[in-house]
Amino acid sequence: MTHVFNYDLPDDCEDYVHRIGRTGRAGASGHSISLACEEYALNLPAIETYIGHSIPVSKYNPDALMTDLPKPLRLTRPRTGNGPRRTGGSA
């Protein structure tokens, strides 16, 4: 596996090592990216102590996440068949 994404930091340091260890099987290398709110980030010092080195931390710019996207185009299905088109109304 080349990448592991953690959407939270686990409370148990061994769980963290188990998760990220999937990137380095059989001598391969990989990347692990963890997302953490302020509460879960409090687990980081214990994890760093357990693994014996520091983990690089990056902060995000919340304004960069709020991007206005264009309204998606509505897709239309091609009509099939040769029969008359059905319309509403009484029979």
C-alpha atoms as a PDB file:
ATOM      1  CA  MET A   1       0.000   0.000   0.000  1.00  0.00           C
ATOM      2  CA  THR A   2       1.483   3.366  -0.938  1.00  0.00           C
ATOM      3  CA  HIS A   3      -0.690   5.656   1.204  1.00  0.00           C
ATOM      4  CA  VAL A   4      -2.611   5.471   4.465  1.00  0.00           C
ATOM      5  CA  PHE A   5      -5.062   8.205   5.457  1.00  0.00           C
ATOM      6  CA  ASN A   6      -6.121   8.444   9.093  1.00  0.00           C
ATOM      7  CA  TYR A   7      -9.245  10.516   9.559  1.00  0.00           C
ATOM      8  CA  ASP A   8      -8.533  10.693  13.268  1.00  0.00           C
ATOM      9  CA  LEU A   9      -5.621   9.848  15.516  1.00  0.00           C
ATOM     10  CA  PRO A  10      -6.294   6.726  17.566  1.00  0.00           C
ATOM     11  CA  ASP A  11      -6.180   6.826  21.360  1.00  0.00           C
ATOM     12  CA  ASP A  12      -3.897   3.783  21.395  1.00  0.00           C
ATOM     13  CA  CYS A  13      -0.351   4.316  20.086  1.00  0.00           C
ATOM     14  CA  GLU A  14      -0.105   0.704  18.918  1.00  0.00           C
ATOM     15  CA  ASP A  15      -3.185   1.226  16.717  1.00  0.00           C
ATOM     16  CA  TYR A  16      -1.446   4.156  15.036  1.00  0.00           C
ATOM     17  CA  VAL A  17       1.694   2.093  14.376  1.00  0.00           C
ATOM     18  CA  HIS A  18      -0.427  -0.774  13.047  1.00  0.00           C
ATOM     19  CA  ARG A  19      -2.272   1.550  10.641  1.00  0.00           C
ATOM     20  CA  ILE A  20       0.764   3.329   9.232  1.00  0.00           C
ATOM     21  CA  GLY A  21       2.772   0.109   9.129  1.00  0.00           C
ATOM     22  CA  ARG A  22       0.680  -0.995   6.165  1.00  0.00           C
ATOM     23  CA  THR A  23       2.690   1.389   3.964  1.00  0.00           C
ATOM     24  CA  GLY A  24       6.022  -0.286   4.668  1.00  0.00           C
ATOM     25  CA  ARG A  25       5.404  -3.967   4.033  1.00  0.00           C
ATOM     26  CA  ALA A  26       8.113  -6.084   2.391  1.00  0.00           C
ATOM     27  CA  GLY A  27      10.628  -3.228   2.309  1.00  0.00           C
ATOM     28  CA  ALA A  28       8.301  -0.874   0.448  1.00  0.00           C
ATOM     29  CA  SER A  29       7.933   2.766   1.419  1.00  0.00           C
ATOM     30  CA  GLY A  30       4.815   4.852   1.608  1.00  0.00           C
ATOM     31  CA  HIS A  31       3.133   7.883   3.073  1.00  0.00           C
ATOM     32  CA  SER A  32       0.814   8.301   6.009  1.00  0.00           C
ATOM     33  CA  ILE A  33      -1.408  11.353   6.371  1.00  0.00           C
ATOM     34  CA  SER A  34      -3.424  11.901   9.525  1.00  0.00           C
ATOM     35  CA  LEU A  35      -6.165  14.444  10.052  1.00  0.00           C
ATOM     36  CA  ALA A  36      -6.875  15.492  13.616  1.00  0.00           C
ATOM     37  CA  CYS A  37      -9.072  18.013  15.357  1.00  0.00           C
ATOM     38  CA  GLU A  38      -7.721  19.817  18.418  1.00  0.00           C
ATOM     39  CA  GLU A  39      -8.977  17.060  20.731  1.00  0.00           C
ATOM     40  CA  TYR A  40      -7.329  14.181  18.839  1.00  0.00           C
ATOM     41  CA  ALA A  41      -4.159  16.206  18.277  1.00  0.00           C
ATOM     42  CA  LEU A  42      -3.583  15.873  22.028  1.00  0.00           C
ATOM     43  CA  ASN A  43      -2.694  12.207  21.308  1.00  0.00           C
ATOM     44  CA  LEU A  44       0.239  13.265  19.121  1.00  0.00           C
ATOM     45  CA  PRO A  45       2.928  13.638  21.851  1.00  0.00           C
ATOM     46  CA  ALA A  46       2.240  10.128  23.183  1.00  0.00           C
ATOM     47  CA  ILE A  47       2.417   8.681  19.654  1.00  0.00           C
ATOM     48  CA  GLU A  48       5.690  10.516  18.965  1.00  0.00           C
ATOM     49  CA  THR A  49       7.180   9.180  22.214  1.00  0.00           C
ATOM     50  CA  TYR A  50       6.049   5.660  21.338  1.00  0.00           C
ATOM     51  CA  ILE A  51       7.553   5.691  17.830  1.00  0.00           C
ATOM     52  CA  GLY A  52      10.695   7.567  18.901  1.00  0.00           C
ATOM     53  CA  HIS A  53      10.526  10.548  16.567  1.00  0.00           C
ATOM     54  CA  SER A  54       8.448  13.619  15.837  1.00  0.00           C
ATOM     55  CA  ILE A  55       5.697  13.721  13.239  1.00  0.00           C
ATOM     56  CA  PRO A  56       5.628  16.759  10.921  1.00  0.00           C
ATOM     57  CA  VAL A  57       2.522  18.866  11.480  1.00  0.00           C
ATOM     58  CA  SER A  58       0.868  21.183   8.965  1.00  0.00           C
ATOM     59  CA  LYS A  59      -2.025  23.504   9.611  1.00  0.00           C
ATOM     60  CA  TYR A  60      -4.609  24.151   6.955  1.00  0.00           C
ATOM     61  CA  ASN A  61      -6.153  27.402   5.820  1.00  0.00           C
ATOM     62  CA  PRO A  62      -9.928  27.062   6.349  1.00  0.00           C
ATOM     63  CA  ASP A  63     -10.574  29.823   3.797  1.00  0.00           C
ATOM     64  CA  ALA A  64      -8.961  27.642   1.128  1.00  0.00           C
ATOM     65  CA  LEU A  65     -11.620  24.993   1.727  1.00  0.00           C
ATOM     66  CA  MET A  66     -14.513  27.347   1.076  1.00  0.00           C
ATOM     67  CA  THR A  67     -14.400  27.637  -2.691  1.00  0.00           C
ATOM     68  CA  ASP A  68     -17.437  28.464  -4.782  1.00  0.00           C
ATOM     69  CA  LEU A  69     -17.847  25.827  -7.441  1.00  0.00           C
ATOM     70  CA  PRO A  70     -19.876  26.334 -10.611  1.00  0.00           C
ATOM     71  CA  LYS A  71     -23.336  24.792 -10.644  1.00  0.00           C
ATOM     72  CA  PRO A  72     -23.121  21.340 -12.258  1.00  0.00           C
ATOM     73  CA  LEU A  73     -24.657  20.931 -15.684  1.00  0.00           C
ATOM     74  CA  ARG A  74     -27.850  18.933 -15.766  1.00  0.00           C
ATOM     75  CA  LEU A  75     -27.467  15.808 -17.813  1.00  0.00           C
ATOM     76  CA  THR A  76     -30.302  14.794 -20.105  1.00  0.00           C
ATOM     77  CA  ARG A  77     -30.979  11.278 -21.264  1.00  0.00           C
ATOM     78  CA  PRO A  78     -31.504  10.629 -24.945  1.00  0.00           C
ATOM     79  CA  ARG A  79     -35.023   9.504 -25.820  1.00  0.00           C
ATOM     80  CA  THR A  80     -35.269   5.948 -26.991  1.00  0.00           C
ATOM     81  CA  GLY A  81     -37.987   4.108 -28.840  1.00  0.00           C
ATOM     82  CA  ASN A  82     -40.232   5.116 -31.716  1.00  0.00           C
ATOM     83  CA  GLY A  83     -43.544   5.295 -29.875  1.00  0.00           C
ATOM     84  CA  PRO A  84     -45.465   8.461 -29.086  1.00  0.00           C
ATOM     85  CA  ARG A  85     -44.352  10.530 -26.140  1.00  0.00           C
ATOM     86  CA  ARG A  86     -46.451  10.041 -23.011  1.00  0.00           C
ATOM     87  CA  THR A  87     -48.051  13.109 -21.532  1.00  0.00           C
ATOM     88  CA  GLY A  88     -50.039  13.669 -18.383  1.00  0.00           C
ATOM     89  CA  GLY A  89     -53.803  14.067 -18.393  1.00  0.00           C
ATOM     90  CA  SER A  90     -56.898  11.917 -18.264  1.00  0.00           C
ATOM     91  CA  ALA A  91     -57.317   8.809 -20.364  1.00  0.00           C
END
